[in-house]
Amino acid sequence: MCIGDNIIFRYEENFKNGTLFIFDISQYRTYEGGKIEYCVLKNIRNGASLDEIIHTVENEFQIEDSRTGIEALVEDFRNKSIVV
């Protein structure tokens, strides 16, 4: 799993209490997210496995049983070709 070739993302902490901007430069699309989505993308970029990402999210954000939500988020990223 990796970030798509035509994807650029940036997290702006001071914009709307923290906003992730995802740009698909080939399809001219822009998506927004929050800090958890940024954490997931950052970990994918760094080569983390799905289990490692889930562990990181649960520890950083004190969320229990986040597997279903993270799996759904990654699937959404795949459907939008943000993650391949």
N, C-alpha and C. Protein backbone atom coordinates (compact mmCIF):
# COMPACT_ATOMS: atom_id res chain seq x y z
N MET A 1 0.86 -1.17 0.00
CA MET A 1 0.00 0.00 0.00
C MET A 1 0.91 1.23 0.00
N CYS A 2 0.59 2.17 -0.90
CA CYS A 2 1.37 3.41 -0.97
C CYS A 2 0.49 4.55 -1.48
N ILE A 3 1.00 5.75 -1.34
CA ILE A 3 0.30 6.94 -1.82
C ILE A 3 0.38 6.96 -3.35
N GLY A 4 -0.73 7.31 -3.99
CA GLY A 4 -0.76 7.38 -5.45
C GLY A 4 0.26 8.37 -5.98
N ASP A 5 0.77 8.10 -7.18
CA ASP A 5 1.80 8.95 -7.79
C ASP A 5 1.37 10.39 -7.98
N ASN A 6 0.09 10.61 -8.22
CA ASN A 6 -0.39 11.97 -8.51
C ASN A 6 -1.01 12.65 -7.30
N ILE A 7 -0.70 12.16 -6.11
CA ILE A 7 -1.30 12.68 -4.88
C ILE A 7 -0.27 13.50 -4.09
N ILE A 8 -0.71 14.68 -3.70
CA ILE A 8 0.07 15.54 -2.80
C ILE A 8 -0.84 15.84 -1.61
N PHE A 9 -0.30 15.74 -0.41
CA PHE A 9 -1.13 16.09 0.75
C PHE A 9 -0.35 16.96 1.72
N ARG A 10 -1.11 17.78 2.43
CA ARG A 10 -0.51 18.74 3.35
C ARG A 10 -1.49 18.97 4.50
N TYR A 11 -0.96 19.02 5.71
CA TYR A 11 -1.79 19.29 6.89
C TYR A 11 -1.50 20.70 7.38
N GLU A 12 -2.54 21.50 7.50
CA GLU A 12 -2.44 22.87 8.00
C GLU A 12 -3.07 22.93 9.38
N GLU A 13 -2.25 23.00 10.40
CA GLU A 13 -2.73 22.96 11.78
C GLU A 13 -3.57 24.17 12.16
N ASN A 14 -3.28 25.33 11.58
CA ASN A 14 -3.95 26.57 11.96
C ASN A 14 -5.13 26.93 11.07
N PHE A 15 -5.52 26.07 10.17
CA PHE A 15 -6.65 26.34 9.28
C PHE A 15 -7.83 25.48 9.71
N LYS A 16 -8.93 26.11 10.09
CA LYS A 16 -10.14 25.41 10.55
C LYS A 16 -9.83 24.40 11.66
N ASN A 17 -9.04 24.78 12.61
CA ASN A 17 -8.65 23.91 13.73
C ASN A 17 -7.92 22.65 13.27
N GLY A 18 -7.24 22.72 12.16
CA GLY A 18 -6.47 21.61 11.63
C GLY A 18 -7.18 20.96 10.45
N THR A 19 -6.62 21.12 9.27
CA THR A 19 -7.23 20.58 8.06
C THR A 19 -6.19 19.91 7.20
N LEU A 20 -6.53 18.72 6.72
CA LEU A 20 -5.71 18.01 5.76
C LEU A 20 -6.24 18.34 4.37
N PHE A 21 -5.34 18.72 3.48
CA PHE A 21 -5.68 18.94 2.08
C PHE A 21 -5.01 17.86 1.25
N ILE A 22 -5.80 17.19 0.44
CA ILE A 22 -5.29 16.14 -0.44
C ILE A 22 -5.56 16.60 -1.87
N PHE A 23 -4.52 16.65 -2.68
CA PHE A 23 -4.64 17.10 -4.06
C PHE A 23 -4.33 15.95 -5.01
N ASP A 24 -5.27 15.66 -5.90
CA ASP A 24 -5.04 14.70 -6.97
C ASP A 24 -4.72 15.54 -8.21
N ILE A 25 -3.43 15.64 -8.54
CA ILE A 25 -3.02 16.56 -9.60
C ILE A 25 -3.33 16.06 -11.00
N SER A 26 -3.66 14.79 -11.15
CA SER A 26 -4.01 14.29 -12.48
C SER A 26 -5.51 14.45 -12.76
N GLN A 27 -6.33 14.33 -11.73
CA GLN A 27 -7.79 14.45 -11.89
C GLN A 27 -8.31 15.83 -11.49
N TYR A 28 -7.41 16.71 -11.02
CA TYR A 28 -7.78 18.06 -10.58
C TYR A 28 -8.86 18.03 -9.51
N ARG A 29 -8.67 17.14 -8.54
CA ARG A 29 -9.60 17.03 -7.43
C ARG A 29 -8.89 17.38 -6.13
N THR A 30 -9.67 17.92 -5.21
CA THR A 30 -9.17 18.26 -3.89
C THR A 30 -10.09 17.64 -2.85
N TYR A 31 -9.48 17.05 -1.83
CA TYR A 31 -10.24 16.46 -0.73
C TYR A 31 -9.74 17.08 0.57
N GLU A 32 -10.61 17.11 1.56
CA GLU A 32 -10.23 17.60 2.88
C GLU A 32 -10.41 16.50 3.91
N GLY A 33 -9.63 16.58 4.97
CA GLY A 33 -9.74 15.64 6.07
C GLY A 33 -9.25 16.30 7.34
N GLY A 34 -9.05 15.49 8.34
CA GLY A 34 -8.60 15.98 9.63
C GLY A 34 -7.29 15.33 10.04
N LYS A 35 -7.01 15.44 11.32
CA LYS A 35 -5.73 14.98 11.84
C LYS A 35 -5.59 13.45 11.78
N ILE A 36 -6.66 12.72 11.99
CA ILE A 36 -6.58 11.25 11.91
C ILE A 36 -6.27 10.81 10.49
N GLU A 37 -6.96 11.41 9.52
CA GLU A 37 -6.69 11.08 8.11
C GLU A 37 -5.25 11.40 7.75
N TYR A 38 -4.74 12.52 8.26
CA TYR A 38 -3.34 12.88 8.03
C TYR A 38 -2.41 11.85 8.63
N CYS A 39 -2.70 11.42 9.84
CA CYS A 39 -1.89 10.41 10.51
C CYS A 39 -1.85 9.13 9.69
N VAL A 40 -2.99 8.72 9.15
CA VAL A 40 -3.06 7.51 8.34
C VAL A 40 -2.22 7.67 7.07
N LEU A 41 -2.40 8.78 6.35
CA LEU A 41 -1.62 8.99 5.12
C LEU A 41 -0.13 9.08 5.39
N LYS A 42 0.23 9.77 6.45
CA LYS A 42 1.66 9.90 6.80
C LYS A 42 2.28 8.54 7.07
N ASN A 43 1.54 7.68 7.76
CA ASN A 43 2.05 6.34 8.06
C ASN A 43 2.11 5.47 6.81
N ILE A 44 1.15 5.62 5.91
CA ILE A 44 1.21 4.89 4.64
C ILE A 44 2.43 5.33 3.86
N ARG A 45 2.67 6.64 3.81
CA ARG A 45 3.85 7.16 3.11
C ARG A 45 5.14 6.59 3.68
N ASN A 46 5.15 6.37 4.99
CA ASN A 46 6.34 5.85 5.66
C ASN A 46 6.44 4.32 5.62
N GLY A 47 5.50 3.67 4.92
CA GLY A 47 5.58 2.23 4.73
C GLY A 47 4.98 1.38 5.83
N ALA A 48 4.16 1.96 6.69
CA ALA A 48 3.56 1.20 7.79
C ALA A 48 2.50 0.24 7.26
N SER A 49 2.36 -0.88 7.94
CA SER A 49 1.30 -1.83 7.62
C SER A 49 -0.02 -1.33 8.21
N LEU A 50 -1.12 -1.95 7.80
CA LEU A 50 -2.42 -1.56 8.32
C LEU A 50 -2.48 -1.74 9.83
N ASP A 51 -1.94 -2.85 10.33
CA ASP A 51 -1.92 -3.08 11.79
C ASP A 51 -1.10 -2.02 12.51
N GLU A 52 0.02 -1.60 11.94
CA GLU A 52 0.83 -0.55 12.55
C GLU A 52 0.09 0.79 12.56
N ILE A 53 -0.62 1.07 11.48
CA ILE A 53 -1.39 2.32 11.41
C ILE A 53 -2.49 2.33 12.46
N ILE A 54 -3.19 1.22 12.58
CA ILE A 54 -4.25 1.12 13.59
C ILE A 54 -3.68 1.32 14.99
N HIS A 55 -2.57 0.68 15.27
CA HIS A 55 -1.92 0.82 16.58
C HIS A 55 -1.53 2.28 16.84
N THR A 56 -0.96 2.94 15.84
CA THR A 56 -0.55 4.34 15.98
C THR A 56 -1.75 5.24 16.24
N VAL A 57 -2.82 5.07 15.47
CA VAL A 57 -4.01 5.90 15.65
C VAL A 57 -4.61 5.69 17.04
N GLU A 58 -4.71 4.44 17.47
CA GLU A 58 -5.28 4.17 18.79
C GLU A 58 -4.45 4.79 19.90
N ASN A 59 -3.12 4.77 19.75
CA ASN A 59 -2.27 5.35 20.78
C ASN A 59 -2.24 6.87 20.74
N GLU A 60 -2.14 7.45 19.55
CA GLU A 60 -2.05 8.91 19.43
C GLU A 60 -3.34 9.61 19.82
N PHE A 61 -4.46 9.00 19.50
CA PHE A 61 -5.75 9.67 19.69
C PHE A 61 -6.60 9.03 20.79
N GLN A 62 -6.02 8.08 21.52
CA GLN A 62 -6.72 7.37 22.60
C GLN A 62 -8.08 6.86 22.13
N ILE A 63 -8.07 6.18 20.98
CA ILE A 63 -9.28 5.59 20.41
C ILE A 63 -9.17 4.08 20.55
N GLU A 64 -10.21 3.46 21.07
CA GLU A 64 -10.23 2.00 21.18
C GLU A 64 -10.98 1.41 19.99
N ASP A 65 -10.57 0.24 19.58
CA ASP A 65 -11.27 -0.51 18.52
C ASP A 65 -11.48 0.32 17.26
N SER A 66 -10.39 0.89 16.74
CA SER A 66 -10.50 1.75 15.55
C SER A 66 -10.34 0.97 14.24
N ARG A 67 -10.13 -0.35 14.32
CA ARG A 67 -9.85 -1.15 13.12
C ARG A 67 -10.88 -0.95 12.02
N THR A 68 -12.16 -1.07 12.34
CA THR A 68 -13.21 -0.96 11.32
C THR A 68 -13.18 0.42 10.66
N GLY A 69 -13.04 1.46 11.45
CA GLY A 69 -13.01 2.81 10.90
C GLY A 69 -11.79 3.07 10.04
N ILE A 70 -10.63 2.59 10.47
CA ILE A 70 -9.40 2.79 9.69
C ILE A 70 -9.46 1.98 8.40
N GLU A 71 -9.96 0.76 8.48
CA GLU A 71 -10.10 -0.05 7.26
C GLU A 71 -11.04 0.63 6.26
N ALA A 72 -12.13 1.20 6.75
CA ALA A 72 -13.07 1.91 5.87
C ALA A 72 -12.42 3.16 5.27
N LEU A 73 -11.64 3.86 6.07
CA LEU A 73 -10.94 5.05 5.58
C LEU A 73 -9.94 4.68 4.48
N VAL A 74 -9.17 3.64 4.70
CA VAL A 74 -8.19 3.20 3.70
C VAL A 74 -8.91 2.74 2.43
N GLU A 75 -10.03 2.06 2.58
CA GLU A 75 -10.80 1.64 1.40
C GLU A 75 -11.32 2.86 0.63
N ASP A 76 -11.77 3.88 1.35
CA ASP A 76 -12.21 5.12 0.70
C ASP A 76 -11.04 5.77 -0.04
N PHE A 77 -9.86 5.80 0.59
CA PHE A 77 -8.67 6.33 -0.08
C PHE A 77 -8.36 5.52 -1.35
N ARG A 78 -8.53 4.22 -1.29
CA ARG A 78 -8.30 3.38 -2.48
C ARG A 78 -9.31 3.68 -3.59
N ASN A 79 -10.57 3.83 -3.21
CA ASN A 79 -11.61 4.12 -4.20
C ASN A 79 -11.38 5.47 -4.90
N LYS A 80 -10.73 6.39 -4.20
CA LYS A 80 -10.43 7.71 -4.78
C LYS A 80 -9.04 7.76 -5.39
N SER A 81 -8.35 6.62 -5.42
CA SER A 81 -6.98 6.50 -5.95
C SER A 81 -5.98 7.37 -5.21
N ILE A 82 -6.27 7.67 -3.95
CA ILE A 82 -5.31 8.37 -3.09
C ILE A 82 -4.26 7.38 -2.63
N VAL A 83 -4.71 6.16 -2.37
CA VAL A 83 -3.83 5.06 -1.97
C VAL A 83 -3.99 3.96 -3.00
N VAL A 84 -2.86 3.38 -3.41
CA VAL A 84 -2.88 2.28 -4.39
C VAL A 84 -2.19 1.06 -3.82
